[in-house]
Every structure is written in structure tokens, then in C-alpha cells.
Amino acid sequence: MSSNWPWPDSLDALKAAPRHHTLLFENEQVRVVRTLISPGETVPVHSHRWPGVAFVISWSDFLRRDPNGTITLDTRQRKEQPVLNAPRWQEPLPPHSVENVGGAEINIVQVELKS
């Protein structure tokens, strides 16, 4: 894992929130992770260390909170939803939790670039 990442490995999405994150593939260059969040579920605080390309398979509105519980993103306030099955750049995400406040499952596959 990146040596300049300031948060502990224990907050990695696969370790801190394994019920919602599944490893699909990993080698020295990339890691492919699927995120599934059912309606009404809240994912424990976790982080995403590497930037990558995300593919939103299914979408629902959500709240992202920092580790103190402060809302940092409410997708209901956005005018546009992401385009399904289209690549979208995702920067690394510091520790956060996610609450699915919509009526559908959130299903995202992210190809994280380790280098």
C-alpha cells in the first residue's frame, strides 16, 4: 500500500467494511473492488487509498459522512446522477461512511490504480 497514505491499513475498504466490498482481482498494478450497498444500509467508516476508474452498475442516492458523522456529500442535492456503466474517474477517498438513502441498490465496480 502507498507509503504516503496517512490512514491505517485497518481502514482499507476490504478490511473495515468487508460486508460491502469484495475483491474481484488484484496484482501489483491494480485492484478491482465491487461495492454493494442495499437500500437503508450504512457502510462502516473505511477508506479508498488509490485513485481509479469506477463503473456505476446501479445507483441510489446516498449520504457520505466523515469519521465524525458530518455529512460531506448528499447526492440528493446534485442535479445529475452518474451515467450507468460508463467509466468515471474516482480520486482516493479518506475515511468516510456511506448510507444508502435511496430505494435501489448501489453497485459499483472500481479499478484502483496502485502506481
N, C-alpha and C. Protein backbone atom coordinates (compact mmCIF):
# COMPACT_ATOMS: atom_id res chain seq x y z
N MET A 1 0.83 -1.19 0.00
CA MET A 1 0.00 0.00 0.00
C MET A 1 0.88 1.25 0.00
N SER A 2 0.33 2.32 -0.46
CA SER A 2 1.07 3.56 -0.61
C SER A 2 1.65 4.02 0.71
N SER A 3 2.94 4.40 0.70
CA SER A 3 3.61 4.79 1.93
C SER A 3 3.22 6.19 2.40
N ASN A 4 2.69 7.04 1.51
CA ASN A 4 2.33 8.39 1.92
C ASN A 4 0.84 8.52 2.30
N TRP A 5 0.14 7.44 2.37
CA TRP A 5 -1.27 7.45 2.78
C TRP A 5 -1.30 7.59 4.30
N PRO A 6 -1.95 8.62 4.85
CA PRO A 6 -1.84 8.89 6.29
C PRO A 6 -2.74 8.03 7.18
N TRP A 7 -3.63 7.23 6.61
CA TRP A 7 -4.56 6.46 7.42
C TRP A 7 -4.11 5.01 7.54
N PRO A 8 -4.47 4.35 8.62
CA PRO A 8 -4.01 2.97 8.83
C PRO A 8 -4.63 1.97 7.85
N ASP A 9 -3.91 0.88 7.60
CA ASP A 9 -4.39 -0.17 6.72
C ASP A 9 -5.72 -0.75 7.21
N SER A 10 -5.96 -0.67 8.51
CA SER A 10 -7.20 -1.22 9.06
C SER A 10 -8.44 -0.51 8.53
N LEU A 11 -8.28 0.69 7.95
CA LEU A 11 -9.41 1.43 7.37
C LEU A 11 -9.63 1.12 5.89
N ASP A 12 -8.76 0.28 5.30
CA ASP A 12 -8.96 -0.10 3.91
C ASP A 12 -10.35 -0.71 3.76
N ALA A 13 -11.02 -0.38 2.66
CA ALA A 13 -12.42 -0.81 2.45
C ALA A 13 -12.61 -2.31 2.62
N LEU A 14 -11.67 -3.11 2.13
CA LEU A 14 -11.82 -4.57 2.23
C LEU A 14 -11.69 -5.07 3.66
N LYS A 15 -10.95 -4.34 4.50
CA LYS A 15 -10.77 -4.75 5.90
C LYS A 15 -11.84 -4.14 6.81
N ALA A 16 -12.10 -2.86 6.62
CA ALA A 16 -13.01 -2.15 7.53
C ALA A 16 -14.48 -2.38 7.20
N ALA A 17 -14.79 -2.69 5.96
CA ALA A 17 -16.18 -2.87 5.54
C ALA A 17 -16.31 -4.05 4.57
N PRO A 18 -15.90 -5.26 5.00
CA PRO A 18 -15.89 -6.40 4.07
C PRO A 18 -17.27 -6.87 3.64
N ARG A 19 -18.29 -6.55 4.40
CA ARG A 19 -19.66 -6.94 4.01
C ARG A 19 -20.12 -6.20 2.76
N HIS A 20 -19.53 -5.03 2.51
CA HIS A 20 -19.95 -4.20 1.39
C HIS A 20 -18.93 -4.11 0.26
N HIS A 21 -17.72 -4.63 0.48
CA HIS A 21 -16.66 -4.56 -0.53
C HIS A 21 -16.11 -5.96 -0.80
N THR A 22 -16.00 -6.30 -2.08
CA THR A 22 -15.50 -7.61 -2.48
C THR A 22 -14.34 -7.43 -3.45
N LEU A 23 -13.25 -8.14 -3.20
CA LEU A 23 -12.11 -8.12 -4.10
C LEU A 23 -12.40 -9.02 -5.29
N LEU A 24 -12.36 -8.44 -6.49
CA LEU A 24 -12.60 -9.21 -7.72
C LEU A 24 -11.30 -9.62 -8.40
N PHE A 25 -10.25 -8.78 -8.24
CA PHE A 25 -8.96 -9.06 -8.87
C PHE A 25 -7.92 -8.15 -8.23
N GLU A 26 -6.67 -8.66 -8.13
CA GLU A 26 -5.59 -7.82 -7.65
C GLU A 26 -4.26 -8.35 -8.16
N ASN A 27 -3.39 -7.41 -8.57
CA ASN A 27 -2.00 -7.71 -8.85
C ASN A 27 -1.18 -6.50 -8.39
N GLU A 28 0.06 -6.40 -8.83
CA GLU A 28 0.92 -5.31 -8.37
C GLU A 28 0.47 -3.93 -8.87
N GLN A 29 -0.25 -3.89 -10.00
CA GLN A 29 -0.63 -2.61 -10.60
C GLN A 29 -2.05 -2.15 -10.28
N VAL A 30 -2.99 -3.09 -10.16
CA VAL A 30 -4.39 -2.71 -9.99
C VAL A 30 -5.06 -3.58 -8.93
N ARG A 31 -6.16 -3.06 -8.44
CA ARG A 31 -7.05 -3.82 -7.58
C ARG A 31 -8.47 -3.50 -8.04
N VAL A 32 -9.28 -4.52 -8.24
CA VAL A 32 -10.66 -4.34 -8.69
C VAL A 32 -11.58 -4.71 -7.52
N VAL A 33 -12.41 -3.76 -7.12
CA VAL A 33 -13.27 -3.92 -5.94
C VAL A 33 -14.71 -3.64 -6.33
N ARG A 34 -15.62 -4.51 -5.90
CA ARG A 34 -17.05 -4.27 -6.07
C ARG A 34 -17.61 -3.77 -4.75
N THR A 35 -18.43 -2.73 -4.84
CA THR A 35 -19.13 -2.18 -3.68
C THR A 35 -20.62 -2.41 -3.87
N LEU A 36 -21.26 -3.04 -2.88
CA LEU A 36 -22.71 -3.25 -2.90
C LEU A 36 -23.30 -2.71 -1.60
N ILE A 37 -24.29 -1.82 -1.74
CA ILE A 37 -24.95 -1.24 -0.58
C ILE A 37 -26.45 -1.27 -0.83
N SER A 38 -27.16 -2.05 -0.05
CA SER A 38 -28.62 -2.15 -0.19
C SER A 38 -29.31 -0.92 0.38
N PRO A 39 -30.55 -0.66 -0.04
CA PRO A 39 -31.29 0.48 0.49
C PRO A 39 -31.37 0.41 2.02
N GLY A 40 -31.12 1.54 2.65
CA GLY A 40 -31.21 1.63 4.11
C GLY A 40 -29.95 1.22 4.84
N GLU A 41 -28.98 0.64 4.15
CA GLU A 41 -27.75 0.19 4.81
C GLU A 41 -26.75 1.33 4.95
N THR A 42 -25.93 1.23 6.01
CA THR A 42 -24.83 2.16 6.23
C THR A 42 -23.54 1.36 6.28
N VAL A 43 -22.59 1.76 5.49
CA VAL A 43 -21.28 1.11 5.44
C VAL A 43 -20.41 1.72 6.54
N PRO A 44 -19.71 0.88 7.31
CA PRO A 44 -18.82 1.42 8.36
C PRO A 44 -17.73 2.32 7.77
N VAL A 45 -17.13 3.12 8.63
CA VAL A 45 -16.05 4.02 8.22
C VAL A 45 -14.92 3.19 7.58
N HIS A 46 -14.49 3.65 6.40
CA HIS A 46 -13.44 2.98 5.64
C HIS A 46 -12.81 4.01 4.69
N SER A 47 -11.78 3.58 3.96
CA SER A 47 -11.13 4.48 3.01
C SER A 47 -10.85 3.74 1.70
N HIS A 48 -10.57 4.53 0.67
CA HIS A 48 -10.14 4.02 -0.63
C HIS A 48 -8.83 4.73 -0.95
N ARG A 49 -7.74 4.01 -0.83
CA ARG A 49 -6.39 4.57 -0.90
C ARG A 49 -5.97 5.04 -2.28
N TRP A 50 -6.42 4.36 -3.30
CA TRP A 50 -5.92 4.63 -4.65
C TRP A 50 -6.99 5.27 -5.54
N PRO A 51 -6.56 6.10 -6.48
CA PRO A 51 -7.49 6.60 -7.49
C PRO A 51 -7.82 5.47 -8.45
N GLY A 52 -8.85 5.68 -9.24
CA GLY A 52 -9.18 4.64 -10.21
C GLY A 52 -10.36 5.02 -11.06
N VAL A 53 -10.78 4.04 -11.83
CA VAL A 53 -11.92 4.20 -12.72
C VAL A 53 -13.08 3.40 -12.14
N ALA A 54 -14.20 4.08 -11.90
CA ALA A 54 -15.38 3.44 -11.33
C ALA A 54 -16.45 3.27 -12.40
N PHE A 55 -17.12 2.13 -12.34
CA PHE A 55 -18.26 1.84 -13.21
C PHE A 55 -19.47 1.67 -12.31
N VAL A 56 -20.42 2.57 -12.43
CA VAL A 56 -21.64 2.50 -11.63
C VAL A 56 -22.61 1.59 -12.36
N ILE A 57 -22.86 0.42 -11.78
CA ILE A 57 -23.76 -0.57 -12.37
C ILE A 57 -25.21 -0.22 -12.01
N SER A 58 -25.43 0.10 -10.74
CA SER A 58 -26.76 0.58 -10.31
C SER A 58 -26.54 1.67 -9.27
N TRP A 59 -27.48 2.60 -9.22
CA TRP A 59 -27.31 3.83 -8.46
C TRP A 59 -28.47 4.06 -7.51
N SER A 60 -28.16 4.67 -6.40
CA SER A 60 -29.16 5.13 -5.45
C SER A 60 -28.58 6.34 -4.73
N ASP A 61 -29.41 7.23 -4.27
CA ASP A 61 -28.91 8.38 -3.52
C ASP A 61 -28.27 7.91 -2.22
N PHE A 62 -27.24 8.65 -1.80
CA PHE A 62 -26.54 8.29 -0.57
C PHE A 62 -26.01 9.53 0.14
N LEU A 63 -25.69 9.31 1.41
CA LEU A 63 -25.01 10.31 2.22
C LEU A 63 -23.61 9.79 2.51
N ARG A 64 -22.61 10.63 2.31
CA ARG A 64 -21.25 10.30 2.72
C ARG A 64 -20.93 11.16 3.93
N ARG A 65 -20.40 10.52 4.97
CA ARG A 65 -20.06 11.22 6.20
C ARG A 65 -18.58 11.02 6.52
N ASP A 66 -17.98 12.02 7.15
CA ASP A 66 -16.62 11.86 7.62
C ASP A 66 -16.65 11.02 8.91
N PRO A 67 -15.50 10.65 9.46
CA PRO A 67 -15.49 9.79 10.66
C PRO A 67 -16.20 10.38 11.87
N ASN A 68 -16.42 11.71 11.88
CA ASN A 68 -17.13 12.35 12.98
C ASN A 68 -18.64 12.40 12.77
N GLY A 69 -19.10 11.91 11.63
CA GLY A 69 -20.54 11.89 11.34
C GLY A 69 -21.05 13.10 10.58
N THR A 70 -20.16 14.01 10.22
CA THR A 70 -20.55 15.20 9.46
C THR A 70 -20.78 14.82 8.00
N ILE A 71 -21.92 15.22 7.45
CA ILE A 71 -22.23 14.92 6.06
C ILE A 71 -21.30 15.73 5.15
N THR A 72 -20.59 15.03 4.28
CA THR A 72 -19.70 15.68 3.32
C THR A 72 -20.26 15.64 1.90
N LEU A 73 -21.25 14.76 1.66
CA LEU A 73 -21.90 14.68 0.36
C LEU A 73 -23.30 14.12 0.53
N ASP A 74 -24.26 14.80 -0.05
CA ASP A 74 -25.65 14.33 -0.12
C ASP A 74 -26.02 14.36 -1.59
N THR A 75 -26.08 13.17 -2.22
CA THR A 75 -26.30 13.12 -3.66
C THR A 75 -27.68 13.63 -4.06
N ARG A 76 -28.59 13.73 -3.10
CA ARG A 76 -29.93 14.27 -3.42
C ARG A 76 -29.84 15.74 -3.79
N GLN A 77 -28.74 16.40 -3.43
CA GLN A 77 -28.55 17.82 -3.74
C GLN A 77 -27.96 18.04 -5.13
N ARG A 78 -27.51 16.97 -5.77
CA ARG A 78 -26.94 17.09 -7.12
C ARG A 78 -28.06 17.11 -8.16
N LYS A 79 -27.81 17.83 -9.23
CA LYS A 79 -28.81 17.91 -10.30
C LYS A 79 -28.76 16.69 -11.21
N GLU A 80 -27.59 16.06 -11.32
CA GLU A 80 -27.44 14.94 -12.24
C GLU A 80 -26.95 13.70 -11.50
N GLN A 81 -27.43 12.56 -11.96
CA GLN A 81 -26.93 11.29 -11.46
C GLN A 81 -25.85 10.79 -12.40
N PRO A 82 -24.99 9.88 -11.92
CA PRO A 82 -23.95 9.37 -12.82
C PRO A 82 -24.56 8.53 -13.95
N VAL A 83 -23.87 8.48 -15.05
CA VAL A 83 -24.28 7.65 -16.17
C VAL A 83 -23.93 6.21 -15.82
N LEU A 84 -24.91 5.32 -15.93
CA LEU A 84 -24.68 3.92 -15.59
C LEU A 84 -23.75 3.26 -16.61
N ASN A 85 -22.89 2.37 -16.12
CA ASN A 85 -21.98 1.55 -16.92
C ASN A 85 -21.01 2.36 -17.76
N ALA A 86 -20.75 3.59 -17.38
CA ALA A 86 -19.78 4.43 -18.08
C ALA A 86 -18.61 4.69 -17.13
N PRO A 87 -17.39 4.68 -17.64
CA PRO A 87 -16.25 4.91 -16.76
C PRO A 87 -16.27 6.32 -16.20
N ARG A 88 -15.88 6.41 -14.92
CA ARG A 88 -15.87 7.69 -14.21
C ARG A 88 -14.63 7.72 -13.32
N TRP A 89 -13.87 8.79 -13.37
CA TRP A 89 -12.67 8.90 -12.56
C TRP A 89 -13.04 9.09 -11.09
N GLN A 90 -12.32 8.39 -10.21
CA GLN A 90 -12.55 8.50 -8.77
C GLN A 90 -11.22 8.76 -8.08
N GLU A 91 -11.12 9.87 -7.39
CA GLU A 91 -9.92 10.17 -6.59
C GLU A 91 -9.93 9.30 -5.33
N PRO A 92 -8.79 9.17 -4.66
CA PRO A 92 -8.78 8.45 -3.38
C PRO A 92 -9.76 9.11 -2.41
N LEU A 93 -10.33 8.29 -1.54
CA LEU A 93 -11.29 8.81 -0.56
C LEU A 93 -10.75 8.56 0.85
N PRO A 94 -10.61 9.63 1.64
CA PRO A 94 -10.18 9.46 3.02
C PRO A 94 -11.28 8.76 3.82
N PRO A 95 -11.03 8.45 5.07
CA PRO A 95 -12.04 7.74 5.87
C PRO A 95 -13.42 8.40 5.80
N HIS A 96 -14.43 7.55 5.57
CA HIS A 96 -15.81 8.01 5.41
C HIS A 96 -16.75 6.82 5.63
N SER A 97 -18.01 7.12 5.83
CA SER A 97 -19.06 6.10 5.81
C SER A 97 -20.05 6.50 4.72
N VAL A 98 -20.85 5.52 4.29
CA VAL A 98 -21.85 5.77 3.25
C VAL A 98 -23.17 5.17 3.72
N GLU A 99 -24.24 5.98 3.60
CA GLU A 99 -25.59 5.50 3.91
C GLU A 99 -26.43 5.58 2.65
N ASN A 100 -26.98 4.45 2.23
CA ASN A 100 -27.86 4.41 1.06
C ASN A 100 -29.23 4.91 1.51
N VAL A 101 -29.59 6.12 1.07
CA VAL A 101 -30.86 6.73 1.47
C VAL A 101 -31.90 6.66 0.36
N GLY A 102 -31.57 5.95 -0.72
CA GLY A 102 -32.49 5.79 -1.83
C GLY A 102 -33.19 4.45 -1.78
N GLY A 103 -33.89 4.14 -2.85
CA GLY A 103 -34.69 2.92 -2.90
C GLY A 103 -34.09 1.79 -3.70
N ALA A 104 -32.87 1.95 -4.21
CA ALA A 104 -32.24 0.92 -5.05
C ALA A 104 -30.88 0.54 -4.46
N GLU A 105 -30.34 -0.56 -4.97
CA GLU A 105 -29.01 -0.99 -4.54
C GLU A 105 -27.94 -0.15 -5.23
N ILE A 106 -26.90 0.19 -4.49
CA ILE A 106 -25.72 0.81 -5.07
C ILE A 106 -24.78 -0.33 -5.43
N ASN A 107 -24.36 -0.38 -6.69
CA ASN A 107 -23.46 -1.43 -7.18
C ASN A 107 -22.41 -0.74 -8.04
N ILE A 108 -21.18 -0.70 -7.55
CA ILE A 108 -20.09 -0.01 -8.24
C ILE A 108 -18.90 -0.96 -8.32
N VAL A 109 -18.28 -1.02 -9.48
CA VAL A 109 -17.02 -1.74 -9.65
C VAL A 109 -15.94 -0.70 -9.93
N GLN A 110 -14.88 -0.73 -9.11
CA GLN A 110 -13.81 0.24 -9.25
C GLN A 110 -12.48 -0.45 -9.51
N VAL A 111 -11.80 0.02 -10.54
CA VAL A 111 -10.46 -0.45 -10.86
C VAL A 111 -9.50 0.58 -10.26
N GLU A 112 -8.89 0.21 -9.15
CA GLU A 112 -7.98 1.10 -8.43
C GLU A 112 -6.57 0.96 -9.01
N LEU A 113 -5.93 2.08 -9.27
CA LEU A 113 -4.59 2.10 -9.84
C LEU A 113 -3.56 2.28 -8.73
N LYS A 114 -2.77 1.27 -8.48
CA LYS A 114 -1.85 1.27 -7.34
C LYS A 114 -0.58 2.08 -7.58
N SER A 115 -0.22 2.34 -8.83
CA SER A 115 1.03 3.05 -9.06
C SER A 115 0.80 4.45 -9.55
